[in-house]
């Protein structure tokens, strides 16, 4: 019995290993206004035979054991994952992930300001910071979609720091408005920012 087990184990060890991608997940740090990115994945076994990107922004080139993805990043305005299903000659399919880190062109203290129904109409302050070298250089205009809130923009440091103080006119009933910031930006992706203002049930 022990001899048979040895033969089985030896035969198993002699089988070719399934292909794998040593780095099936890769992170890419994008620069401001970067339009495209190229990401390479390499197998440690059989060649890549086909690949299917799960986003129209990605095109694929296959060179033996190497898969080269070219990604249109021109519309990425926040950190995002994009994926590819890659099949190798042994029939194995692996889902590859590209994690794109988009630098913040605008830093907001909150994406939404919330008050409770029936609570105090306490002012809340939205802080806005423009990082150094950001394509956004100023706030052109602040406007309100709706009429349930009062707001007062303030320039703390020109080109860098701003605040908007927002106060609900009433908290008697639920309501949802939008504070719309129109930015001075060389990159159209960041020309408009929306902050939700809500009195919750």
N, C-alpha and C. Protein backbone atom coordinates (compact mmCIF):
# COMPACT_ATOMS: atom_id res chain seq x y z
N UNK A 1 0.83 -1.20 0.00
CA UNK A 1 0.00 0.00 0.00
C UNK A 1 0.86 1.25 0.00
N UNK A 2 1.94 1.22 0.79
CA UNK A 2 2.81 2.39 0.86
C UNK A 2 3.50 2.62 -0.48
N UNK A 3 3.83 1.51 -1.19
CA UNK A 3 4.47 1.64 -2.51
C UNK A 3 3.52 2.28 -3.51
N UNK A 4 2.24 1.86 -3.48
CA UNK A 4 1.23 2.43 -4.38
C UNK A 4 1.04 3.92 -4.11
N UNK A 5 1.00 4.29 -2.85
CA UNK A 5 0.83 5.70 -2.48
C UNK A 5 2.01 6.52 -3.00
N UNK A 6 3.22 5.95 -2.91
CA UNK A 6 4.41 6.65 -3.39
C UNK A 6 4.33 6.88 -4.89
N UNK A 7 3.83 5.87 -5.63
CA UNK A 7 3.70 5.98 -7.09
C UNK A 7 2.69 7.06 -7.45
N UNK A 8 1.55 7.10 -6.74
CA UNK A 8 0.50 8.09 -7.00
C UNK A 8 1.03 9.51 -6.74
N UNK A 9 1.74 9.68 -5.63
CA UNK A 9 2.28 10.99 -5.30
C UNK A 9 3.32 11.43 -6.33
N UNK A 10 4.13 10.51 -6.78
CA UNK A 10 5.15 10.83 -7.76
C UNK A 10 4.51 11.25 -9.08
N UNK A 11 3.44 10.53 -9.45
CA UNK A 11 2.74 10.86 -10.70
C UNK A 11 2.11 12.24 -10.60
N UNK A 12 1.53 12.56 -9.46
CA UNK A 12 0.89 13.86 -9.25
C UNK A 12 1.92 14.98 -9.35
N UNK A 13 3.09 14.75 -8.78
CA UNK A 13 4.13 15.77 -8.82
C UNK A 13 4.66 15.98 -10.23
N UNK A 14 4.53 14.97 -11.08
CA UNK A 14 5.03 15.05 -12.44
C UNK A 14 4.11 15.84 -13.36
N UNK A 15 2.83 16.07 -12.93
CA UNK A 15 1.87 16.82 -13.75
C UNK A 15 2.32 18.27 -13.84
N UNK A 16 2.10 18.90 -15.01
CA UNK A 16 2.46 20.31 -15.14
C UNK A 16 1.59 21.18 -14.24
N UNK A 17 2.18 22.19 -13.63
CA UNK A 17 1.42 23.07 -12.74
C UNK A 17 0.48 23.94 -13.56
N UNK A 18 -0.71 24.24 -13.00
CA UNK A 18 -1.64 25.13 -13.65
C UNK A 18 -1.03 26.53 -13.73
N UNK A 19 -1.36 27.22 -14.83
CA UNK A 19 -0.84 28.57 -14.99
C UNK A 19 -1.40 29.47 -13.91
N UNK A 20 -0.65 30.45 -13.58
CA UNK A 20 -1.14 31.43 -12.62
C UNK A 20 -0.54 32.78 -12.92
N UNK A 21 -1.19 33.80 -12.42
CA UNK A 21 -0.68 35.16 -12.52
C UNK A 21 -0.11 35.52 -11.15
N UNK A 22 1.20 35.64 -11.01
CA UNK A 22 1.80 35.97 -9.71
C UNK A 22 1.24 37.26 -9.11
N UNK A 23 0.84 38.19 -9.98
CA UNK A 23 0.27 39.45 -9.51
C UNK A 23 -1.06 39.71 -10.22
N UNK A 24 -2.11 39.03 -9.77
CA UNK A 24 -3.42 39.20 -10.42
C UNK A 24 -4.09 40.53 -10.08
N UNK A 25 -3.53 41.25 -9.10
CA UNK A 25 -4.03 42.57 -8.75
C UNK A 25 -2.87 43.56 -8.78
N UNK A 26 -3.09 44.66 -9.48
CA UNK A 26 -2.04 45.67 -9.58
C UNK A 26 -2.63 47.05 -9.30
N UNK A 27 -1.86 47.86 -8.59
CA UNK A 27 -2.27 49.23 -8.28
C UNK A 27 -1.50 50.20 -9.17
N UNK A 28 -2.22 51.19 -9.67
CA UNK A 28 -1.62 52.20 -10.53
C UNK A 28 -1.97 53.58 -9.98
N UNK A 29 -0.94 54.37 -9.70
CA UNK A 29 -1.17 55.74 -9.24
C UNK A 29 -1.17 56.66 -10.46
N UNK A 30 -2.30 57.30 -10.69
CA UNK A 30 -2.42 58.19 -11.84
C UNK A 30 -1.97 59.60 -11.49
N UNK A 31 -1.52 60.32 -12.50
CA UNK A 31 -1.19 61.73 -12.33
C UNK A 31 -2.42 62.56 -12.67
N UNK A 32 -2.43 63.81 -12.24
CA UNK A 32 -3.51 64.72 -12.60
C UNK A 32 -3.67 64.75 -14.13
N UNK A 33 -4.91 64.63 -14.58
CA UNK A 33 -5.25 64.76 -16.00
C UNK A 33 -4.64 63.66 -16.88
N UNK A 34 -4.20 62.55 -16.30
CA UNK A 34 -3.64 61.46 -17.10
C UNK A 34 -4.72 60.85 -17.97
N UNK A 35 -4.43 60.69 -19.25
CA UNK A 35 -5.43 60.24 -20.22
C UNK A 35 -5.48 58.72 -20.40
N UNK A 36 -4.31 58.06 -20.33
CA UNK A 36 -4.26 56.60 -20.50
C UNK A 36 -3.25 56.00 -19.53
N UNK A 37 -3.40 54.69 -19.31
CA UNK A 37 -2.45 53.94 -18.49
C UNK A 37 -2.26 52.56 -19.12
N UNK A 38 -1.03 52.07 -19.07
CA UNK A 38 -0.71 50.73 -19.59
C UNK A 38 -0.34 49.83 -18.42
N UNK A 39 -1.01 48.68 -18.32
CA UNK A 39 -0.78 47.74 -17.21
C UNK A 39 -0.44 46.37 -17.81
N UNK A 40 0.62 45.75 -17.31
CA UNK A 40 1.04 44.44 -17.82
C UNK A 40 0.85 43.36 -16.77
N UNK A 41 0.33 42.22 -17.21
CA UNK A 41 0.21 41.03 -16.37
C UNK A 41 0.98 39.90 -17.07
N UNK A 42 1.70 39.08 -16.29
CA UNK A 42 2.48 37.99 -16.85
C UNK A 42 2.16 36.70 -16.12
N UNK A 43 2.02 35.59 -16.88
CA UNK A 43 1.76 34.29 -16.27
C UNK A 43 3.08 33.59 -15.97
N UNK A 44 3.02 32.62 -15.06
CA UNK A 44 4.20 31.81 -14.78
C UNK A 44 4.03 30.40 -15.32
N UNK A 45 3.15 30.25 -16.32
CA UNK A 45 2.90 28.94 -16.92
C UNK A 45 2.50 29.10 -18.37
N UNK A 46 1.49 28.35 -18.84
CA UNK A 46 1.06 28.42 -20.24
C UNK A 46 0.68 29.82 -20.67
N UNK A 47 0.76 30.06 -21.96
CA UNK A 47 0.51 31.37 -22.52
C UNK A 47 -0.95 31.79 -22.38
N UNK A 48 -1.17 33.08 -22.44
CA UNK A 48 -2.52 33.63 -22.44
C UNK A 48 -3.11 33.40 -23.83
N UNK A 49 -4.31 32.84 -23.89
CA UNK A 49 -4.95 32.56 -25.17
C UNK A 49 -6.04 33.57 -25.51
N UNK A 50 -6.72 34.08 -24.51
CA UNK A 50 -7.74 35.10 -24.77
C UNK A 50 -7.99 35.90 -23.49
N UNK A 51 -8.56 37.07 -23.68
CA UNK A 51 -8.85 37.93 -22.53
C UNK A 51 -10.06 38.78 -22.85
N UNK A 52 -10.86 39.02 -21.82
CA UNK A 52 -12.08 39.82 -21.99
C UNK A 52 -12.09 40.93 -20.94
N UNK A 53 -11.92 42.18 -21.35
CA UNK A 53 -12.03 43.28 -20.38
C UNK A 53 -13.48 43.47 -19.97
N UNK A 54 -13.70 43.82 -18.72
CA UNK A 54 -15.06 44.00 -18.21
C UNK A 54 -15.47 45.47 -18.22
N UNK A 55 -14.77 46.26 -19.04
CA UNK A 55 -15.10 47.68 -19.17
C UNK A 55 -14.70 48.13 -20.57
N UNK A 56 -15.53 48.97 -21.19
CA UNK A 56 -15.24 49.47 -22.53
C UNK A 56 -14.00 50.36 -22.56
N UNK A 57 -13.54 50.80 -21.39
CA UNK A 57 -12.38 51.69 -21.34
C UNK A 57 -11.07 50.95 -21.55
N UNK A 58 -11.11 49.61 -21.61
CA UNK A 58 -9.89 48.80 -21.65
C UNK A 58 -9.76 48.04 -22.97
N UNK A 59 -8.57 48.11 -23.58
CA UNK A 59 -8.26 47.28 -24.75
C UNK A 59 -7.09 46.37 -24.38
N UNK A 60 -7.02 45.21 -25.05
CA UNK A 60 -6.08 44.16 -24.67
C UNK A 60 -5.16 43.79 -25.83
N UNK A 61 -3.89 43.55 -25.52
CA UNK A 61 -2.95 42.94 -26.46
C UNK A 61 -2.32 41.74 -25.75
N UNK A 62 -2.21 40.59 -26.45
CA UNK A 62 -1.64 39.38 -25.88
C UNK A 62 -0.32 39.06 -26.59
N UNK A 63 0.73 38.86 -25.80
CA UNK A 63 2.04 38.51 -26.33
C UNK A 63 2.57 37.32 -25.54
N UNK A 64 2.16 36.11 -25.93
CA UNK A 64 2.60 34.90 -25.24
C UNK A 64 2.12 34.86 -23.81
N UNK A 65 3.06 34.89 -22.88
CA UNK A 65 2.72 34.83 -21.45
C UNK A 65 2.36 36.20 -20.88
N UNK A 66 2.36 37.21 -21.74
CA UNK A 66 2.13 38.57 -21.27
C UNK A 66 0.81 39.12 -21.81
N UNK A 67 0.07 39.77 -20.92
CA UNK A 67 -1.16 40.46 -21.29
C UNK A 67 -0.94 41.95 -21.03
N UNK A 68 -1.15 42.76 -22.06
CA UNK A 68 -0.95 44.21 -21.94
C UNK A 68 -2.30 44.91 -22.07
N UNK A 69 -2.69 45.61 -21.01
CA UNK A 69 -3.96 46.34 -21.00
C UNK A 69 -3.69 47.83 -21.15
N UNK A 70 -4.37 48.44 -22.09
CA UNK A 70 -4.32 49.89 -22.24
C UNK A 70 -5.68 50.45 -21.82
N UNK A 71 -5.64 51.33 -20.84
CA UNK A 71 -6.89 51.79 -20.21
C UNK A 71 -7.06 53.29 -20.44
N UNK A 72 -8.24 53.67 -20.92
CA UNK A 72 -8.60 55.07 -21.07
C UNK A 72 -9.00 55.59 -19.69
N UNK A 73 -8.15 56.39 -19.09
CA UNK A 73 -8.40 56.90 -17.74
C UNK A 73 -8.91 58.34 -17.74
N UNK A 74 -9.24 58.86 -18.91
CA UNK A 74 -9.57 60.28 -19.05
C UNK A 74 -10.84 60.68 -18.30
N UNK A 75 -11.70 59.69 -17.99
CA UNK A 75 -12.95 60.01 -17.29
C UNK A 75 -12.94 59.57 -15.83
N UNK A 76 -11.83 59.04 -15.35
CA UNK A 76 -11.75 58.61 -13.96
C UNK A 76 -11.63 59.84 -13.07
N UNK A 77 -12.62 60.08 -12.22
CA UNK A 77 -12.55 61.22 -11.32
C UNK A 77 -12.44 60.80 -9.86
N UNK A 78 -12.35 59.49 -9.62
CA UNK A 78 -12.12 58.98 -8.29
C UNK A 78 -11.49 57.60 -8.39
N UNK A 79 -10.94 57.11 -7.30
CA UNK A 79 -10.27 55.81 -7.29
C UNK A 79 -11.26 54.72 -7.69
N UNK A 80 -10.81 53.82 -8.58
CA UNK A 80 -11.73 52.84 -9.16
C UNK A 80 -10.97 51.56 -9.52
N UNK A 81 -11.69 50.43 -9.53
CA UNK A 81 -11.14 49.14 -9.97
C UNK A 81 -11.70 48.79 -11.35
N UNK A 82 -10.84 48.26 -12.23
CA UNK A 82 -11.26 47.73 -13.52
C UNK A 82 -10.72 46.31 -13.63
N UNK A 83 -11.49 45.43 -14.29
CA UNK A 83 -11.14 44.01 -14.28
C UNK A 83 -11.09 43.41 -15.68
N UNK A 84 -10.34 42.31 -15.78
CA UNK A 84 -10.18 41.56 -17.02
C UNK A 84 -10.27 40.08 -16.69
N UNK A 85 -10.99 39.31 -17.48
CA UNK A 85 -10.99 37.84 -17.36
C UNK A 85 -10.01 37.30 -18.41
N UNK A 86 -8.93 36.66 -17.93
CA UNK A 86 -7.88 36.16 -18.82
C UNK A 86 -7.85 34.63 -18.77
N UNK A 87 -7.81 34.00 -19.95
CA UNK A 87 -7.77 32.54 -20.05
C UNK A 87 -6.41 32.12 -20.62
N UNK A 88 -5.82 31.10 -19.99
CA UNK A 88 -4.52 30.59 -20.44
C UNK A 88 -4.71 29.25 -21.16
N UNK A 89 -3.62 28.74 -21.77
CA UNK A 89 -3.69 27.55 -22.63
C UNK A 89 -4.13 26.30 -21.89
N UNK A 90 -4.04 26.29 -20.56
CA UNK A 90 -4.50 25.13 -19.79
C UNK A 90 -5.99 25.21 -19.48
N UNK A 91 -6.68 26.22 -20.01
CA UNK A 91 -8.12 26.34 -19.80
C UNK A 91 -8.51 27.10 -18.55
N UNK A 92 -7.53 27.55 -17.79
CA UNK A 92 -7.84 28.26 -16.55
C UNK A 92 -8.12 29.73 -16.84
N UNK A 93 -9.19 30.25 -16.22
CA UNK A 93 -9.53 31.67 -16.35
C UNK A 93 -9.31 32.38 -15.02
N UNK A 94 -8.61 33.49 -15.08
CA UNK A 94 -8.29 34.28 -13.88
C UNK A 94 -8.84 35.68 -14.04
N UNK A 95 -9.45 36.19 -13.00
CA UNK A 95 -9.92 37.57 -13.03
C UNK A 95 -8.80 38.48 -12.53
N UNK A 96 -8.36 39.36 -13.39
CA UNK A 96 -7.29 40.31 -13.07
C UNK A 96 -7.91 41.65 -12.69
N UNK A 97 -7.33 42.29 -11.71
CA UNK A 97 -7.87 43.57 -11.22
C UNK A 97 -6.81 44.66 -11.31
N UNK A 98 -7.23 45.79 -11.85
CA UNK A 98 -6.38 46.98 -11.90
C UNK A 98 -7.01 48.03 -10.99
N UNK A 99 -6.27 48.44 -9.98
CA UNK A 99 -6.75 49.42 -9.01
C UNK A 99 -6.12 50.77 -9.33
N UNK A 100 -6.93 51.69 -9.83
CA UNK A 100 -6.43 52.99 -10.23
C UNK A 100 -6.66 54.00 -9.11
N UNK A 101 -5.58 54.61 -8.65
CA UNK A 101 -5.65 55.62 -7.61
C UNK A 101 -5.61 56.99 -8.26
N UNK A 102 -6.73 57.71 -8.17
CA UNK A 102 -6.84 59.03 -8.79
C UNK A 102 -6.52 60.09 -7.74
N UNK A 103 -5.55 60.95 -7.99
CA UNK A 103 -5.23 61.99 -6.99
C UNK A 103 -6.40 62.94 -6.81
N UNK A 104 -6.63 63.36 -5.59
CA UNK A 104 -7.76 64.24 -5.30
C UNK A 104 -7.47 65.64 -5.82
N UNK A 105 -8.34 66.12 -6.72
CA UNK A 105 -8.21 67.49 -7.22
C UNK A 105 -8.91 68.46 -6.28
N UNK A 106 -9.87 67.94 -5.52
CA UNK A 106 -10.63 68.73 -4.55
C UNK A 106 -10.82 67.87 -3.31
N UNK A 107 -10.55 68.41 -2.15
CA UNK A 107 -10.78 67.69 -0.90
C UNK A 107 -11.95 68.36 -0.18
N UNK A 108 -13.03 67.59 -0.01
CA UNK A 108 -14.22 68.07 0.67
C UNK A 108 -14.31 67.44 2.06
N UNK A 109 -14.69 68.22 3.04
CA UNK A 109 -14.84 67.66 4.40
C UNK A 109 -15.99 66.69 4.48
N UNK A 110 -16.95 66.78 3.54
CA UNK A 110 -18.09 65.86 3.50
C UNK A 110 -18.70 65.92 2.11
N UNK A 111 -19.30 64.81 1.71
CA UNK A 111 -20.03 64.76 0.45
C UNK A 111 -21.52 65.01 0.66
N UNK A 112 -21.93 65.00 1.92
CA UNK A 112 -23.32 65.30 2.24
C UNK A 112 -23.39 65.89 3.65
N UNK A 113 -24.34 66.78 3.86
CA UNK A 113 -24.61 67.36 5.17
C UNK A 113 -26.02 66.96 5.56
N UNK A 114 -26.17 66.44 6.78
CA UNK A 114 -27.46 65.85 7.18
C UNK A 114 -27.93 66.45 8.50
N UNK A 115 -29.23 66.74 8.56
CA UNK A 115 -29.91 67.16 9.79
C UNK A 115 -31.06 66.20 10.04
N UNK A 116 -31.42 66.02 11.31
CA UNK A 116 -32.54 65.15 11.67
C UNK A 116 -33.84 65.95 11.67
N UNK A 117 -34.87 65.32 11.19
CA UNK A 117 -36.19 65.95 11.20
C UNK A 117 -36.59 66.33 12.63
N UNK A 118 -37.05 67.57 12.80
CA UNK A 118 -37.47 68.04 14.11
C UNK A 118 -36.32 68.54 14.98
N UNK A 119 -35.11 68.44 14.49
CA UNK A 119 -33.95 68.88 15.26
C UNK A 119 -33.69 70.36 15.10
N UNK A 120 -32.63 70.82 15.73
CA UNK A 120 -32.27 72.24 15.66
C UNK A 120 -31.71 72.56 14.27
N UNK A 121 -31.99 73.79 13.83
CA UNK A 121 -31.47 74.26 12.53
C UNK A 121 -30.03 74.78 12.72
N UNK A 122 -29.17 73.87 13.11
CA UNK A 122 -27.78 74.24 13.42
C UNK A 122 -26.97 74.37 12.14
N UNK A 123 -26.22 75.47 11.99
CA UNK A 123 -25.36 75.61 10.81
C UNK A 123 -24.28 74.52 10.77
N UNK A 124 -23.98 74.05 9.58
CA UNK A 124 -22.85 73.14 9.38
C UNK A 124 -21.91 73.77 8.36
N UNK A 125 -20.62 73.52 8.54
CA UNK A 125 -19.61 74.13 7.68
C UNK A 125 -18.97 73.06 6.79
N UNK A 126 -19.06 73.28 5.50
CA UNK A 126 -18.37 72.44 4.52
C UNK A 126 -17.01 73.08 4.23
N UNK A 127 -15.94 72.32 4.46
CA UNK A 127 -14.59 72.82 4.18
C UNK A 127 -14.11 72.26 2.84
N UNK A 128 -13.50 73.12 2.04
CA UNK A 128 -13.03 72.75 0.71
C UNK A 128 -11.56 73.13 0.60
N UNK A 129 -10.72 72.15 0.22
CA UNK A 129 -9.29 72.40 0.06
C UNK A 129 -8.87 71.99 -1.35
N UNK A 130 -8.08 72.83 -1.99
CA UNK A 130 -7.53 72.52 -3.31
C UNK A 130 -6.06 72.18 -3.14
N UNK A 131 -5.68 70.90 -3.36
CA UNK A 131 -4.28 70.50 -3.18
C UNK A 131 -3.34 71.25 -4.12
N UNK A 132 -2.09 71.32 -3.71
CA UNK A 132 -1.06 71.93 -4.54
C UNK A 132 -0.95 71.16 -5.86
N UNK A 133 -0.81 71.89 -6.96
CA UNK A 133 -0.68 71.33 -8.31
C UNK A 133 -1.99 70.76 -8.85
N UNK A 134 -3.09 70.94 -8.13
CA UNK A 134 -4.39 70.47 -8.61
C UNK A 134 -4.79 71.25 -9.87
N UNK A 135 -5.50 70.58 -10.81
CA UNK A 135 -6.01 71.30 -11.98
C UNK A 135 -7.12 72.29 -11.62
N UNK A 136 -7.67 72.16 -10.41
CA UNK A 136 -8.68 73.10 -9.93
C UNK A 136 -7.97 74.24 -9.19
N UNK A 137 -8.26 75.46 -9.60
CA UNK A 137 -7.53 76.60 -9.04
C UNK A 137 -8.42 77.58 -8.28
N UNK A 138 -9.74 77.42 -8.39
CA UNK A 138 -10.62 78.36 -7.70
C UNK A 138 -12.05 77.84 -7.76
N UNK A 139 -12.91 78.42 -6.94
CA UNK A 139 -14.35 78.15 -7.01
C UNK A 139 -14.98 79.34 -7.73
N UNK A 140 -15.59 79.07 -8.86
CA UNK A 140 -16.20 80.12 -9.66
C UNK A 140 -17.55 80.54 -9.10
N UNK A 141 -18.33 79.52 -8.65
CA UNK A 141 -19.69 79.83 -8.21
C UNK A 141 -20.21 78.72 -7.31
N UNK A 142 -21.03 79.10 -6.34
CA UNK A 142 -21.75 78.13 -5.51
C UNK A 142 -23.23 78.41 -5.67
N UNK A 143 -24.01 77.39 -5.94
CA UNK A 143 -25.45 77.55 -6.14
C UNK A 143 -26.22 76.44 -5.48
N UNK A 144 -27.51 76.66 -5.27
CA UNK A 144 -28.35 75.69 -4.58
C UNK A 144 -29.45 75.21 -5.51
N UNK A 145 -29.61 73.89 -5.57
CA UNK A 145 -30.73 73.29 -6.27
C UNK A 145 -31.82 73.03 -5.23
N UNK A 146 -32.81 73.91 -5.18
CA UNK A 146 -33.82 73.85 -4.13
C UNK A 146 -33.79 75.14 -3.33
N UNK A 147 -34.71 75.25 -2.36
CA UNK A 147 -34.78 76.49 -1.57
C UNK A 147 -34.96 76.21 -0.08
N UNK A 148 -34.55 75.01 0.36
CA UNK A 148 -34.79 74.63 1.75
C UNK A 148 -33.62 75.00 2.68
N UNK A 149 -32.55 75.57 2.12
CA UNK A 149 -31.37 75.88 2.92
C UNK A 149 -30.86 77.28 2.59
N UNK A 150 -30.21 77.88 3.57
CA UNK A 150 -29.43 79.10 3.34
C UNK A 150 -27.95 78.69 3.32
N UNK A 151 -27.16 79.38 2.52
CA UNK A 151 -25.74 79.04 2.46
C UNK A 151 -24.91 80.31 2.27
N UNK A 152 -23.69 80.27 2.82
CA UNK A 152 -22.80 81.43 2.77
C UNK A 152 -21.39 80.95 2.47
N UNK A 153 -20.90 81.15 1.23
CA UNK A 153 -19.52 80.76 0.89
C UNK A 153 -18.52 81.77 1.45
N UNK A 154 -17.32 81.27 1.77
CA UNK A 154 -16.28 82.14 2.33
C UNK A 154 -14.91 81.68 1.82
N UNK A 155 -14.11 82.64 1.37
CA UNK A 155 -12.76 82.34 0.88
C UNK A 155 -11.79 82.50 2.05
N UNK A 156 -11.19 81.38 2.47
CA UNK A 156 -10.23 81.40 3.58
C UNK A 156 -8.85 81.77 3.06
N UNK A 157 -8.43 81.09 1.99
CA UNK A 157 -7.13 81.35 1.38
C UNK A 157 -7.29 81.15 -0.12
N UNK A 158 -7.15 82.21 -0.87
CA UNK A 158 -7.44 82.17 -2.30
C UNK A 158 -6.63 81.08 -3.01
N UNK A 159 -7.37 80.30 -3.79
CA UNK A 159 -6.74 79.22 -4.55
C UNK A 159 -6.45 77.97 -3.75
N UNK A 160 -6.73 77.97 -2.44
CA UNK A 160 -6.39 76.81 -1.62
C UNK A 160 -7.51 76.37 -0.67
N UNK A 161 -8.10 77.31 0.09
CA UNK A 161 -9.05 76.91 1.12
C UNK A 161 -10.32 77.77 1.08
N UNK A 162 -11.47 77.08 1.22
CA UNK A 162 -12.77 77.75 1.20
C UNK A 162 -13.69 77.05 2.19
N UNK A 163 -14.75 77.73 2.58
CA UNK A 163 -15.81 77.11 3.38
C UNK A 163 -17.16 77.57 2.84
N UNK A 164 -18.17 76.73 3.09
CA UNK A 164 -19.55 77.11 2.82
C UNK A 164 -20.35 76.74 4.06
N UNK A 165 -20.97 77.72 4.69
CA UNK A 165 -21.80 77.47 5.87
C UNK A 165 -23.24 77.28 5.40
N UNK A 166 -23.82 76.15 5.80
CA UNK A 166 -25.16 75.79 5.33
C UNK A 166 -26.09 75.65 6.53
N UNK A 167 -27.29 76.23 6.41
CA UNK A 167 -28.27 76.19 7.50
C UNK A 167 -29.65 75.86 6.94
N UNK A 168 -30.31 74.85 7.48
CA UNK A 168 -31.67 74.56 7.00
C UNK A 168 -32.65 75.65 7.46
N UNK A 169 -33.57 76.01 6.61
CA UNK A 169 -34.58 76.99 6.99
C UNK A 169 -35.61 76.38 7.94
N UNK A 170 -35.76 75.07 7.86
CA UNK A 170 -36.69 74.36 8.75
C UNK A 170 -36.31 72.88 8.73
N UNK A 171 -36.59 72.20 9.82
CA UNK A 171 -36.40 70.74 9.86
C UNK A 171 -37.74 70.04 10.10
N UNK A 172 -38.82 70.74 9.79
CA UNK A 172 -40.16 70.20 10.06
C UNK A 172 -40.50 68.99 9.20
N UNK A 173 -39.90 68.91 8.01
CA UNK A 173 -40.21 67.78 7.12
C UNK A 173 -38.95 67.38 6.35
N UNK A 174 -38.92 66.13 5.88
CA UNK A 174 -37.75 65.66 5.13
C UNK A 174 -37.58 66.44 3.83
N UNK A 175 -36.36 66.70 3.46
CA UNK A 175 -36.09 67.42 2.22
C UNK A 175 -34.69 67.08 1.74
N UNK A 176 -34.49 67.18 0.43
CA UNK A 176 -33.18 66.93 -0.16
C UNK A 176 -32.90 68.00 -1.20
N UNK A 177 -31.85 68.76 -0.99
CA UNK A 177 -31.36 69.75 -1.95
C UNK A 177 -29.93 69.41 -2.34
N UNK A 178 -29.43 70.14 -3.33
CA UNK A 178 -28.03 69.95 -3.75
C UNK A 178 -27.30 71.29 -3.75
N UNK A 179 -26.13 71.28 -3.17
CA UNK A 179 -25.22 72.42 -3.27
C UNK A 179 -24.29 72.13 -4.44
N UNK A 180 -24.29 73.00 -5.44
CA UNK A 180 -23.50 72.77 -6.65
C UNK A 180 -22.36 73.78 -6.70
N UNK A 181 -21.14 73.25 -6.75
CA UNK A 181 -19.95 74.09 -6.84
C UNK A 181 -19.42 74.03 -8.26
N UNK A 182 -19.30 75.18 -8.90
CA UNK A 182 -18.69 75.27 -10.22
C UNK A 182 -17.25 75.73 -10.05
N UNK A 183 -16.32 74.90 -10.52
CA UNK A 183 -14.91 75.14 -10.26
C UNK A 183 -14.20 75.72 -11.48
N UNK A 184 -13.13 76.47 -11.23
CA UNK A 184 -12.21 76.87 -12.29
C UNK A 184 -11.19 75.74 -12.42
N UNK A 185 -11.27 74.99 -13.53
CA UNK A 185 -10.45 73.79 -13.66
C UNK A 185 -10.00 73.59 -15.09
N UNK A 186 -8.75 73.21 -15.25
CA UNK A 186 -8.24 72.87 -16.58
C UNK A 186 -8.65 71.47 -17.00
N UNK A 187 -9.18 70.71 -16.06
CA UNK A 187 -9.64 69.35 -16.33
C UNK A 187 -11.15 69.31 -16.15
N UNK A 188 -11.91 69.06 -17.21
CA UNK A 188 -13.38 69.10 -17.11
C UNK A 188 -13.99 68.09 -16.15
N UNK A 189 -13.23 67.05 -15.79
CA UNK A 189 -13.76 66.05 -14.86
C UNK A 189 -14.09 66.67 -13.50
N UNK A 190 -13.39 67.74 -13.15
CA UNK A 190 -13.53 68.30 -11.81
C UNK A 190 -14.20 69.67 -11.81
N UNK A 191 -14.83 70.02 -12.93
CA UNK A 191 -15.40 71.35 -13.07
C UNK A 191 -16.69 71.54 -12.27
N UNK A 192 -17.26 70.46 -11.79
CA UNK A 192 -18.53 70.56 -11.07
C UNK A 192 -18.55 69.56 -9.92
N UNK A 193 -18.88 70.04 -8.75
CA UNK A 193 -18.97 69.19 -7.56
C UNK A 193 -20.35 69.34 -6.93
N UNK A 194 -20.92 68.21 -6.49
CA UNK A 194 -22.26 68.22 -5.91
C UNK A 194 -22.19 67.72 -4.47
N UNK A 195 -22.75 68.48 -3.56
CA UNK A 195 -22.84 68.09 -2.15
C UNK A 195 -24.33 68.03 -1.80
N UNK A 196 -24.75 66.92 -1.23
CA UNK A 196 -26.17 66.73 -0.91
C UNK A 196 -26.49 67.28 0.47
N UNK A 197 -27.59 68.01 0.56
CA UNK A 197 -28.07 68.60 1.80
C UNK A 197 -29.41 67.95 2.12
N UNK A 198 -29.51 67.36 3.32
CA UNK A 198 -30.69 66.55 3.59
C UNK A 198 -31.20 66.72 5.03
N UNK A 199 -32.51 66.86 5.13
CA UNK A 199 -33.19 66.71 6.41
C UNK A 199 -33.83 65.33 6.38
N UNK A 200 -33.35 64.43 7.25
CA UNK A 200 -33.78 63.03 7.23
C UNK A 200 -35.01 62.81 8.10
N UNK A 201 -35.72 61.74 7.80
CA UNK A 201 -36.89 61.35 8.60
C UNK A 201 -36.44 60.95 9.99
